[in-house]
């Protein structure tokens, strides 16, 4: 089949969704840690308000 790239289909799309979910989870955890560490230092700088 000449459908183009082998990265198309259900497997790749579910992999991308899994990757995006993992990235989102890691980003949320990073923001929580950043808010916990930077928050007390910069009191009026609300990190969570950026999102």
PDB file of N, CA and C in Angstrom:
ATOM      1  N   UNK A   1       0.842  -1.198   0.000  1.00  0.00           N
ATOM      2  CA  UNK A   1       0.000   0.000   0.000  1.00  0.00           C
ATOM      3  C   UNK A   1       0.882   1.254   0.000  1.00  0.00           C
ATOM      4  N   UNK A   2       0.492   2.197  -0.824  1.00  0.00           N
ATOM      5  CA  UNK A   2       1.266   3.434  -0.914  1.00  0.00           C
ATOM      6  C   UNK A   2       0.504   4.568  -0.241  1.00  0.00           C
ATOM      7  N   UNK A   3       0.192   4.370   1.038  1.00  0.00           N
ATOM      8  CA  UNK A   3      -0.583   5.377   1.761  1.00  0.00           C
ATOM      9  C   UNK A   3       0.323   6.455   2.337  1.00  0.00           C
ATOM     10  N   UNK A   4       1.618   6.379   2.028  1.00  0.00           N
ATOM     11  CA  UNK A   4       2.533   7.422   2.495  1.00  0.00           C
ATOM     12  C   UNK A   4       3.353   6.961   3.681  1.00  0.00           C
ATOM     13  N   UNK A   5       3.321   7.739   4.737  1.00  0.00           N
ATOM     14  CA  UNK A   5       4.204   7.488   5.870  1.00  0.00           C
ATOM     15  C   UNK A   5       3.690   6.363   6.755  1.00  0.00           C
ATOM     16  N   UNK A   6       4.570   5.582   7.341  1.00  0.00           N
ATOM     17  CA  UNK A   6       4.170   4.487   8.234  1.00  0.00           C
ATOM     18  C   UNK A   6       3.711   4.973   9.604  1.00  0.00           C
ATOM     19  N   UNK A   7       3.793   6.260   9.836  1.00  0.00           N
ATOM     20  CA  UNK A   7       3.415   6.797  11.138  1.00  0.00           C
ATOM     21  C   UNK A   7       1.942   7.165  11.209  1.00  0.00           C
ATOM     22  N   UNK A   8       1.164   6.748  10.204  1.00  0.00           N
ATOM     23  CA  UNK A   8      -0.266   7.032  10.231  1.00  0.00           C
ATOM     24  C   UNK A   8      -1.027   5.806  10.719  1.00  0.00           C
ATOM     25  N   UNK A   9      -2.215   6.036  11.230  1.00  0.00           N
ATOM     26  CA  UNK A   9      -3.027   4.920  11.684  1.00  0.00           C
ATOM     27  C   UNK A   9      -3.352   4.994  13.158  1.00  0.00           C
ATOM     28  N   UNK A  10      -4.048   3.988  13.641  1.00  0.00           N
ATOM     29  CA  UNK A  10      -4.546   3.974  15.010  1.00  0.00           C
ATOM     30  C   UNK A  10      -3.407   3.896  16.022  1.00  0.00           C
ATOM     31  N   UNK A  11      -2.381   3.092  15.706  1.00  0.00           N
ATOM     32  CA  UNK A  11      -1.294   2.902  16.662  1.00  0.00           C
ATOM     33  C   UNK A  11      -0.549   4.208  16.905  1.00  0.00           C
ATOM     34  N   UNK A  12      -0.233   4.924  15.836  1.00  0.00           N
ATOM     35  CA  UNK A  12       0.531   6.156  15.993  1.00  0.00           C
ATOM     36  C   UNK A  12      -0.298   7.240  16.671  1.00  0.00           C
ATOM     37  N   UNK A  13      -1.587   7.294  16.347  1.00  0.00           N
ATOM     38  CA  UNK A  13      -2.425   8.327  16.950  1.00  0.00           C
ATOM     39  C   UNK A  13      -2.607   8.064  18.444  1.00  0.00           C
ATOM     40  N   UNK A  14      -2.737   6.810  18.835  1.00  0.00           N
ATOM     41  CA  UNK A  14      -2.860   6.489  20.255  1.00  0.00           C
ATOM     42  C   UNK A  14      -1.537   6.741  20.966  1.00  0.00           C
ATOM     43  N   UNK A  15      -0.428   6.542  20.248  1.00  0.00           N
ATOM     44  CA  UNK A  15       0.879   6.823  20.825  1.00  0.00           C
ATOM     45  C   UNK A  15       1.046   8.328  21.050  1.00  0.00           C
ATOM     46  N   UNK A  16       0.573   9.109  20.093  1.00  0.00           N
ATOM     47  CA  UNK A  16       0.653  10.568  20.222  1.00  0.00           C
ATOM     48  C   UNK A  16      -0.215  11.049  21.383  1.00  0.00           C
ATOM     49  N   UNK A  17      -1.394  10.448  21.532  1.00  0.00           N
ATOM     50  CA  UNK A  17      -2.270  10.806  22.638  1.00  0.00           C
ATOM     51  C   UNK A  17      -1.637  10.451  23.978  1.00  0.00           C
ATOM     52  N   UNK A  18      -1.003   9.267  24.019  1.00  0.00           N
ATOM     53  CA  UNK A  18      -0.326   8.841  25.238  1.00  0.00           C
ATOM     54  C   UNK A  18       0.836   9.773  25.563  1.00  0.00           C
ATOM     55  N   UNK A  19       1.569  10.165  24.509  1.00  0.00           N
ATOM     56  CA  UNK A  19       2.703  11.061  24.693  1.00  0.00           C
ATOM     57  C   UNK A  19       2.230  12.430  25.176  1.00  0.00           C
ATOM     58  N   UNK A  20       1.137  12.900  24.590  1.00  0.00           N
ATOM     59  CA  UNK A  20       0.596  14.199  24.985  1.00  0.00           C
ATOM     60  C   UNK A  20       0.087  14.160  26.421  1.00  0.00           C
ATOM     61  N   UNK A  21      -0.527  13.043  26.805  1.00  0.00           N
ATOM     62  CA  UNK A  21      -1.023  12.905  28.169  1.00  0.00           C
ATOM     63  C   UNK A  21       0.128  12.860  29.164  1.00  0.00           C
ATOM     64  N   UNK A  22       1.189  12.134  28.803  1.00  0.00           N
ATOM     65  CA  UNK A  22       2.360  12.049  29.678  1.00  0.00           C
ATOM     66  C   UNK A  22       3.029  13.414  29.809  1.00  0.00           C
ATOM     67  N   UNK A  23       3.095  14.147  28.692  1.00  0.00           N
ATOM     68  CA  UNK A  23       3.688  15.481  28.723  1.00  0.00           C
ATOM     69  C   UNK A  23       2.859  16.422  29.583  1.00  0.00           C
ATOM     70  N   UNK A  24       1.543  16.328  29.448  1.00  0.00           N
ATOM     71  CA  UNK A  24       0.639  17.176  30.219  1.00  0.00           C
ATOM     72  C   UNK A  24       0.749  16.885  31.713  1.00  0.00           C
ATOM     73  N   UNK A  25       0.852  15.581  32.053  1.00  0.00           N
ATOM     74  CA  UNK A  25       0.976  15.193  33.454  1.00  0.00           C
ATOM     75  C   UNK A  25       2.291  15.699  34.037  1.00  0.00           C
ATOM     76  N   UNK A  26       3.368  15.545  33.256  1.00  0.00           N
ATOM     77  CA  UNK A  26       4.679  16.003  33.709  1.00  0.00           C
ATOM     78  C   UNK A  26       4.701  17.521  33.834  1.00  0.00           C
ATOM     79  N   UNK A  27       4.018  18.206  32.907  1.00  0.00           N
ATOM     80  CA  UNK A  27       3.987  19.665  32.946  1.00  0.00           C
ATOM     81  C   UNK A  27       3.210  20.156  34.161  1.00  0.00           C
ATOM     82  N   UNK A  28       2.104  19.488  34.482  1.00  0.00           N
ATOM     83  CA  UNK A  28       1.322  19.849  35.661  1.00  0.00           C
ATOM     84  C   UNK A  28       2.139  19.650  36.935  1.00  0.00           C
ATOM     85  N   UNK A  29       2.863  18.534  36.996  1.00  0.00           N
ATOM     86  CA  UNK A  29       3.700  18.260  38.160  1.00  0.00           C
ATOM     87  C   UNK A  29       4.810  19.303  38.270  1.00  0.00           C
ATOM     88  N   UNK A  30       5.361  19.693  37.114  1.00  0.00           N
ATOM     89  CA  UNK A  30       6.413  20.704  37.099  1.00  0.00           C
ATOM     90  C   UNK A  30       5.886  22.046  37.585  1.00  0.00           C
ATOM     91  N   UNK A  31       4.672  22.395  37.178  1.00  0.00           N
ATOM     92  CA  UNK A  31       4.086  23.659  37.598  1.00  0.00           C
ATOM     93  C   UNK A  31       3.784  23.665  39.091  1.00  0.00           C
ATOM     94  N   UNK A  32       3.379  22.509  39.614  1.00  0.00           N
ATOM     95  CA  UNK A  32       3.111  22.399  41.051  1.00  0.00           C
ATOM     96  C   UNK A  32       4.400  22.576  41.841  1.00  0.00           C
ATOM     97  N   UNK A  33       5.472  21.922  41.376  1.00  0.00           N
ATOM     98  CA  UNK A  33       6.771  22.040  42.043  1.00  0.00           C
ATOM     99  C   UNK A  33       7.293  23.464  41.928  1.00  0.00           C
ATOM    100  N   UNK A  34       7.122  24.047  40.744  1.00  0.00           N
ATOM    101  CA  UNK A  34       7.586  25.415  40.523  1.00  0.00           C
ATOM    102  C   UNK A  34       6.824  26.390  41.414  1.00  0.00           C
ATOM    103  N   UNK A  35       5.524  26.165  41.556  1.00  0.00           N
ATOM    104  CA  UNK A  35       4.697  27.023  42.393  1.00  0.00           C
ATOM    105  C   UNK A  35       5.069  26.864  43.864  1.00  0.00           C
ATOM    106  N   UNK A  36       5.458  25.643  44.245  1.00  0.00           N
ATOM    107  CA  UNK A  36       5.815  25.382  45.637  1.00  0.00           C
ATOM    108  C   UNK A  36       7.187  25.957  45.975  1.00  0.00           C
ATOM    109  N   UNK A  37       8.097  25.954  45.002  1.00  0.00           N
ATOM    110  CA  UNK A  37       9.453  26.420  45.270  1.00  0.00           C
ATOM    111  C   UNK A  37       9.598  27.921  45.022  1.00  0.00           C
ATOM    112  N   UNK A  38       9.013  28.411  43.936  1.00  0.00           N
ATOM    113  CA  UNK A  38       9.158  29.816  43.576  1.00  0.00           C
ATOM    114  C   UNK A  38       8.100  30.672  44.267  1.00  0.00           C
ATOM    115  N   UNK A  39       6.974  30.064  44.570  1.00  0.00           N
ATOM    116  CA  UNK A  39       5.861  30.789  45.174  1.00  0.00           C
ATOM    117  C   UNK A  39       6.214  31.561  46.432  1.00  0.00           C
ATOM    118  N   UNK A  40       6.850  30.916  47.426  1.00  0.00           N
ATOM    119  CA  UNK A  40       7.216  31.638  48.650  1.00  0.00           C
ATOM    120  C   UNK A  40       8.239  32.747  48.398  1.00  0.00           C
ATOM    121  N   UNK A  41       9.065  32.583  47.362  1.00  0.00           N
ATOM    122  CA  UNK A  41      10.088  33.590  47.079  1.00  0.00           C
ATOM    123  C   UNK A  41       9.461  34.811  46.430  1.00  0.00           C
ATOM    124  N   UNK A  42       8.690  34.560  45.372  1.00  0.00           N
ATOM    125  CA  UNK A  42       7.969  35.650  44.718  1.00  0.00           C
ATOM    126  C   UNK A  42       6.499  35.547  45.108  1.00  0.00           C
ATOM    127  N   UNK A  43       6.123  36.273  46.124  1.00  0.00           N
ATOM    128  CA  UNK A  43       4.788  36.128  46.694  1.00  0.00           C
ATOM    129  C   UNK A  43       3.683  36.513  45.737  1.00  0.00           C
ATOM    130  N   UNK A  44       3.840  37.645  45.036  1.00  0.00           N
ATOM    131  CA  UNK A  44       2.746  38.102  44.189  1.00  0.00           C
ATOM    132  C   UNK A  44       2.810  37.522  42.786  1.00  0.00           C
ATOM    133  N   UNK A  45       3.833  36.729  42.491  1.00  0.00           N
ATOM    134  CA  UNK A  45       3.930  36.122  41.165  1.00  0.00           C
ATOM    135  C   UNK A  45       3.185  34.803  41.157  1.00  0.00           C
ATOM    136  N   UNK A  46       1.956  34.817  40.602  1.00  0.00           N
ATOM    137  CA  UNK A  46       1.133  33.613  40.585  1.00  0.00           C
ATOM    138  C   UNK A  46       1.450  32.790  39.344  1.00  0.00           C
ATOM    139  N   UNK A  47       2.137  31.661  39.546  1.00  0.00           N
ATOM    140  CA  UNK A  47       2.551  30.826  38.419  1.00  0.00           C
ATOM    141  C   UNK A  47       1.339  30.163  37.782  1.00  0.00           C
ATOM    142  N   UNK A  48       0.398  29.716  38.594  1.00  0.00           N
ATOM    143  CA  UNK A  48      -0.768  28.996  38.068  1.00  0.00           C
ATOM    144  C   UNK A  48      -1.703  29.926  37.302  1.00  0.00           C
ATOM    145  N   UNK A  49      -1.569  31.226  37.522  1.00  0.00           N
ATOM    146  CA  UNK A  49      -2.422  32.173  36.828  1.00  0.00           C
ATOM    147  C   UNK A  49      -2.020  32.364  35.371  1.00  0.00           C
ATOM    148  N   UNK A  50      -0.839  31.874  35.006  1.00  0.00           N
ATOM    149  CA  UNK A  50      -0.370  32.024  33.633  1.00  0.00           C
ATOM    150  C   UNK A  50      -1.172  31.128  32.700  1.00  0.00           C
ATOM    151  N   UNK A  51      -1.481  29.924  33.148  1.00  0.00           N
ATOM    152  CA  UNK A  51      -2.202  28.970  32.309  1.00  0.00           C
ATOM    153  C   UNK A  51      -3.652  29.404  32.191  1.00  0.00           C
TER     154      UNK A  51
END
